[in-house]
Amino acid sequence: MLLCCLKCTSVLEKARIEDIEVDLCSSCGGLWLDHGEAERLSKKMGSEIDRLRKLLRDEGGPPPVPSDLTANCPACTSVVKEVSLGAVTVEYCPRCKGIFMDRGEFDGALAAVTGQKLTVAQLVAAAVAEVEAQPEPTGEDVDLG
């Protein structure tokens, strides 16, 4: 099944990092990880992670910013949620538990999960719970000038 990028809708290309197949966007530098792949990548060391970093090279330009736009999961079409994973904001699918990272977010996300006693799924679930616990903006407190 072909997966499309959450950000630019290009077809994601498959890449192998040892025994892990990841999905990369050659247009915008995004990375899609299926359930469990982030944890498996966090256990890899050295040249294989460096090879993935080169595939995700930062081509410059402004960093991606969180938005209010909704996007569908490339794997199961459920609506993804933006959640904080360490110092970066990633898109997370609550149904299939996949994670999408924008260009430049891989190292921050990897640092968040490396050496943790919690699994990636537990870290993301805690972030989702925090986001869902926040009250929806009512618009009553908006200062228009």
C-alpha atoms as a PDB file:
ATOM      1  CA  MET A   1       0.000   0.000   0.000  1.00  0.00           C
ATOM      2  CA  LEU A   2       1.341   3.421  -0.932  1.00  0.00           C
ATOM      3  CA  LEU A   3       1.379   5.971   1.868  1.00  0.00           C
ATOM      4  CA  CYS A   4       1.126   9.713   1.268  1.00  0.00           C
ATOM      5  CA  CYS A   5       2.877  12.430   3.243  1.00  0.00           C
ATOM      6  CA  LEU A   6       0.768  14.232   5.848  1.00  0.00           C
ATOM      7  CA  LYS A   7       2.252  17.596   4.933  1.00  0.00           C
ATOM      8  CA  CYS A   8       2.746  17.696   1.175  1.00  0.00           C
ATOM      9  CA  THR A   9       0.782  14.605  -0.009  1.00  0.00           C
ATOM     10  CA  SER A  10       3.779  13.189  -1.940  1.00  0.00           C
ATOM     11  CA  VAL A  11       4.079   9.413  -2.002  1.00  0.00           C
ATOM     12  CA  LEU A  12       6.317   8.224   0.848  1.00  0.00           C
ATOM     13  CA  GLU A  13       9.338   6.150  -0.141  1.00  0.00           C
ATOM     14  CA  LYS A  14      10.335   3.022   1.771  1.00  0.00           C
ATOM     15  CA  ALA A  15      13.805   2.854   3.338  1.00  0.00           C
ATOM     16  CA  ARG A  16      15.374   0.103   5.450  1.00  0.00           C
ATOM     17  CA  ILE A  17      17.370   0.808   8.575  1.00  0.00           C
ATOM     18  CA  GLU A  18      18.711  -2.679   9.285  1.00  0.00           C
ATOM     19  CA  ASP A  19      15.502  -4.679   9.869  1.00  0.00           C
ATOM     20  CA  ILE A  20      13.187  -1.657  10.198  1.00  0.00           C
ATOM     21  CA  GLU A  21      11.261  -0.330   7.202  1.00  0.00           C
ATOM     22  CA  VAL A  22      10.464   3.391   7.507  1.00  0.00           C
ATOM     23  CA  ASP A  23       8.592   5.713   5.161  1.00  0.00           C
ATOM     24  CA  LEU A  24      10.312   8.913   4.006  1.00  0.00           C
ATOM     25  CA  CYS A  25       9.082  11.926   2.069  1.00  0.00           C
ATOM     26  CA  SER A  26      11.711  12.968  -0.454  1.00  0.00           C
ATOM     27  CA  SER A  27       9.798  16.208  -1.122  1.00  0.00           C
ATOM     28  CA  CYS A  28       9.528  17.736   2.367  1.00  0.00           C
ATOM     29  CA  GLY A  29      11.774  15.484   4.479  1.00  0.00           C
ATOM     30  CA  GLY A  30       9.005  14.011   6.631  1.00  0.00           C
ATOM     31  CA  LEU A  31       9.241  10.607   8.289  1.00  0.00           C
ATOM     32  CA  TRP A  32       6.387   8.167   9.025  1.00  0.00           C
ATOM     33  CA  LEU A  33       6.989   5.457  11.631  1.00  0.00           C
ATOM     34  CA  ASP A  34       4.508   2.638  12.078  1.00  0.00           C
ATOM     35  CA  HIS A  35       3.623   1.420  15.571  1.00  0.00           C
ATOM     36  CA  GLY A  36       6.743   0.203  17.382  1.00  0.00           C
ATOM     37  CA  GLU A  37       9.285   1.524  14.876  1.00  0.00           C
ATOM     38  CA  ALA A  38      10.288   4.552  16.981  1.00  0.00           C
ATOM     39  CA  GLU A  39      11.130   2.301  19.923  1.00  0.00           C
ATOM     40  CA  ARG A  40      13.064  -0.071  17.702  1.00  0.00           C
ATOM     41  CA  LEU A  41      14.983   2.845  16.149  1.00  0.00           C
ATOM     42  CA  SER A  42      15.817   4.224  19.611  1.00  0.00           C
ATOM     43  CA  LYS A  43      17.731   0.992  20.282  1.00  0.00           C
ATOM     44  CA  LYS A  44      19.839   1.274  17.119  1.00  0.00           C
ATOM     45  CA  MET A  45      23.264   2.838  17.288  1.00  0.00           C
ATOM     46  CA  GLY A  46      25.900   4.321  15.068  1.00  0.00           C
ATOM     47  CA  SER A  47      26.052   4.149  11.321  1.00  0.00           C
ATOM     48  CA  GLU A  48      22.465   3.010  10.684  1.00  0.00           C
ATOM     49  CA  ILE A  49      21.003   5.967  12.610  1.00  0.00           C
ATOM     50  CA  ASP A  50      23.507   8.263  10.891  1.00  0.00           C
ATOM     51  CA  ARG A  51      22.306   6.889   7.530  1.00  0.00           C
ATOM     52  CA  LEU A  52      18.715   7.724   8.477  1.00  0.00           C
ATOM     53  CA  ARG A  53      19.795  11.211   9.572  1.00  0.00           C
ATOM     54  CA  LYS A  54      21.354  11.726   6.135  1.00  0.00           C
ATOM     55  CA  LEU A  55      18.134  10.615   4.467  1.00  0.00           C
ATOM     56  CA  LEU A  56      16.287  13.159   6.637  1.00  0.00           C
ATOM     57  CA  ARG A  57      18.844  15.915   6.093  1.00  0.00           C
ATOM     58  CA  ASP A  58      17.746  19.392   6.935  1.00  0.00           C
ATOM     59  CA  GLU A  59      17.693  21.377   3.702  1.00  0.00           C
ATOM     60  CA  GLY A  60      17.219  24.679   5.505  1.00  0.00           C
ATOM     61  CA  GLY A  61      14.164  26.851   5.471  1.00  0.00           C
ATOM     62  CA  PRO A  62      11.845  27.673   8.339  1.00  0.00           C
ATOM     63  CA  PRO A  63      11.086  24.970  10.895  1.00  0.00           C
ATOM     64  CA  PRO A  64       7.629  23.383  10.707  1.00  0.00           C
ATOM     65  CA  VAL A  65       5.142  24.891  13.154  1.00  0.00           C
ATOM     66  CA  PRO A  66       2.086  23.299  14.781  1.00  0.00           C
ATOM     67  CA  SER A  67      -1.176  24.216  13.104  1.00  0.00           C
ATOM     68  CA  ASP A  68      -4.897  23.909  13.677  1.00  0.00           C
ATOM     69  CA  LEU A  69      -5.340  22.035  10.407  1.00  0.00           C
ATOM     70  CA  THR A  70      -6.354  18.410  10.607  1.00  0.00           C
ATOM     71  CA  ALA A  71      -4.657  15.668   8.657  1.00  0.00           C
ATOM     72  CA  ASN A  72      -5.481  12.039   8.096  1.00  0.00           C
ATOM     73  CA  CYS A  73      -3.173   9.198   8.982  1.00  0.00           C
ATOM     74  CA  PRO A  74      -1.407   7.860   5.883  1.00  0.00           C
ATOM     75  CA  ALA A  75      -1.806   4.279   7.133  1.00  0.00           C
ATOM     76  CA  CYS A  76      -5.407   4.080   8.380  1.00  0.00           C
ATOM     77  CA  THR A  77      -7.009   7.470   7.458  1.00  0.00           C
ATOM     78  CA  SER A  78      -7.942   8.284  11.074  1.00  0.00           C
ATOM     79  CA  VAL A  79      -7.406  11.930  12.097  1.00  0.00           C
ATOM     80  CA  VAL A  80      -3.950  12.445  13.633  1.00  0.00           C
ATOM     81  CA  LYS A  81      -3.265  14.549  16.716  1.00  0.00           C
ATOM     82  CA  GLU A  82      -0.355  16.890  17.289  1.00  0.00           C
ATOM     83  CA  VAL A  83       1.451  15.953  20.504  1.00  0.00           C
ATOM     84  CA  SER A  84       4.742  16.890  22.163  1.00  0.00           C
ATOM     85  CA  LEU A  85       7.376  14.211  22.219  1.00  0.00           C
ATOM     86  CA  GLY A  86      10.237  15.724  24.152  1.00  0.00           C
ATOM     87  CA  ALA A  87      11.133  19.052  22.584  1.00  0.00           C
ATOM     88  CA  VAL A  88       9.330  18.425  19.280  1.00  0.00           C
ATOM     89  CA  THR A  89       5.727  18.323  18.152  1.00  0.00           C
ATOM     90  CA  VAL A  90       4.838  15.198  16.182  1.00  0.00           C
ATOM     91  CA  GLU A  91       1.636  13.930  14.601  1.00  0.00           C
ATOM     92  CA  TYR A  92       0.309  10.781  16.235  1.00  0.00           C
ATOM     93  CA  CYS A  93      -2.457   8.451  15.099  1.00  0.00           C
ATOM     94  CA  PRO A  94      -4.486   7.220  18.071  1.00  0.00           C
ATOM     95  CA  ARG A  95      -5.899   4.319  16.038  1.00  0.00           C
ATOM     96  CA  CYS A  96      -2.818   2.668  14.503  1.00  0.00           C
ATOM     97  CA  LYS A  97      -0.287   4.421  16.782  1.00  0.00           C
ATOM     98  CA  GLY A  98       1.919   5.644  13.939  1.00  0.00           C
ATOM     99  CA  ILE A  99       4.013   8.806  14.274  1.00  0.00           C
ATOM    100  CA  PHE A 100       4.846  11.442  11.658  1.00  0.00           C
ATOM    101  CA  MET A 101       7.824  13.745  12.125  1.00  0.00           C
ATOM    102  CA  ASP A 102       8.558  16.827  10.089  1.00  0.00           C
ATOM    103  CA  ARG A 103      11.985  17.513   8.654  1.00  0.00           C
ATOM    104  CA  GLY A 104      14.460  18.129  11.476  1.00  0.00           C
ATOM    105  CA  GLU A 105      12.404  16.547  14.268  1.00  0.00           C
ATOM    106  CA  PHE A 106      13.974  13.077  14.299  1.00  0.00           C
ATOM    107  CA  ASP A 107      16.822  13.789  16.743  1.00  0.00           C
ATOM    108  CA  GLY A 108      14.545  15.530  19.240  1.00  0.00           C
ATOM    109  CA  ALA A 109      12.022  12.702  19.139  1.00  0.00           C
ATOM    110  CA  LEU A 110      14.774  10.087  19.366  1.00  0.00           C
ATOM    111  CA  ALA A 111      16.255  11.859  22.408  1.00  0.00           C
ATOM    112  CA  ALA A 112      12.821  11.819  24.065  1.00  0.00           C
ATOM    113  CA  VAL A 113      12.508   8.043  23.822  1.00  0.00           C
ATOM    114  CA  THR A 114      16.121   6.893  24.227  1.00  0.00           C
ATOM    115  CA  GLY A 115      16.798   5.584  27.713  1.00  0.00           C
ATOM    116  CA  GLN A 116      13.212   6.057  28.891  1.00  0.00           C
ATOM    117  CA  LYS A 117      11.511   3.488  31.069  1.00  0.00           C
ATOM    118  CA  LEU A 118       8.252   4.288  29.292  1.00  0.00           C
ATOM    119  CA  THR A 119       7.556   3.053  25.782  1.00  0.00           C
ATOM    120  CA  VAL A 120       6.986   5.500  22.934  1.00  0.00           C
ATOM    121  CA  ALA A 121       3.297   4.553  23.022  1.00  0.00           C
ATOM    122  CA  GLN A 122       3.134   5.420  26.734  1.00  0.00           C
ATOM    123  CA  LEU A 123       4.946   8.745  26.217  1.00  0.00           C
ATOM    124  CA  VAL A 124       2.648   9.683  23.343  1.00  0.00           C
ATOM    125  CA  ALA A 125      -0.459   8.503  25.246  1.00  0.00           C
ATOM    126  CA  ALA A 126       0.492  10.794  28.143  1.00  0.00           C
ATOM    127  CA  ALA A 127       0.946  13.703  25.704  1.00  0.00           C
ATOM    128  CA  VAL A 128      -2.419  12.953  24.053  1.00  0.00           C
ATOM    129  CA  ALA A 129      -4.133  12.815  27.458  1.00  0.00           C
ATOM    130  CA  GLU A 130      -2.603  16.189  28.328  1.00  0.00           C
ATOM    131  CA  VAL A 131      -3.817  17.734  25.060  1.00  0.00           C
ATOM    132  CA  GLU A 132      -7.318  16.278  25.464  1.00  0.00           C
ATOM    133  CA  ALA A 133      -7.532  17.534  29.072  1.00  0.00           C
ATOM    134  CA  GLN A 134      -7.063  21.130  27.936  1.00  0.00           C
ATOM    135  CA  PRO A 135     -10.356  23.043  27.566  1.00  0.00           C
ATOM    136  CA  GLU A 136     -11.419  23.997  24.070  1.00  0.00           C
ATOM    137  CA  PRO A 137     -11.013  27.728  23.373  1.00  0.00           C
ATOM    138  CA  THR A 138     -14.346  29.512  23.575  1.00  0.00           C
ATOM    139  CA  GLY A 139     -13.365  32.675  21.769  1.00  0.00           C
ATOM    140  CA  GLU A 140     -14.709  34.761  24.678  1.00  0.00           C
ATOM    141  CA  ASP A 141     -11.238  35.724  25.886  1.00  0.00           C
ATOM    142  CA  VAL A 142     -10.009  36.903  22.497  1.00  0.00           C
ATOM    143  CA  ASP A 143      -8.825  40.523  22.482  1.00  0.00           C
ATOM    144  CA  LEU A 144      -9.494  41.941  19.038  1.00  0.00           C
ATOM    145  CA  GLY A 145      -7.835  45.253  19.623  1.00  0.00           C
END
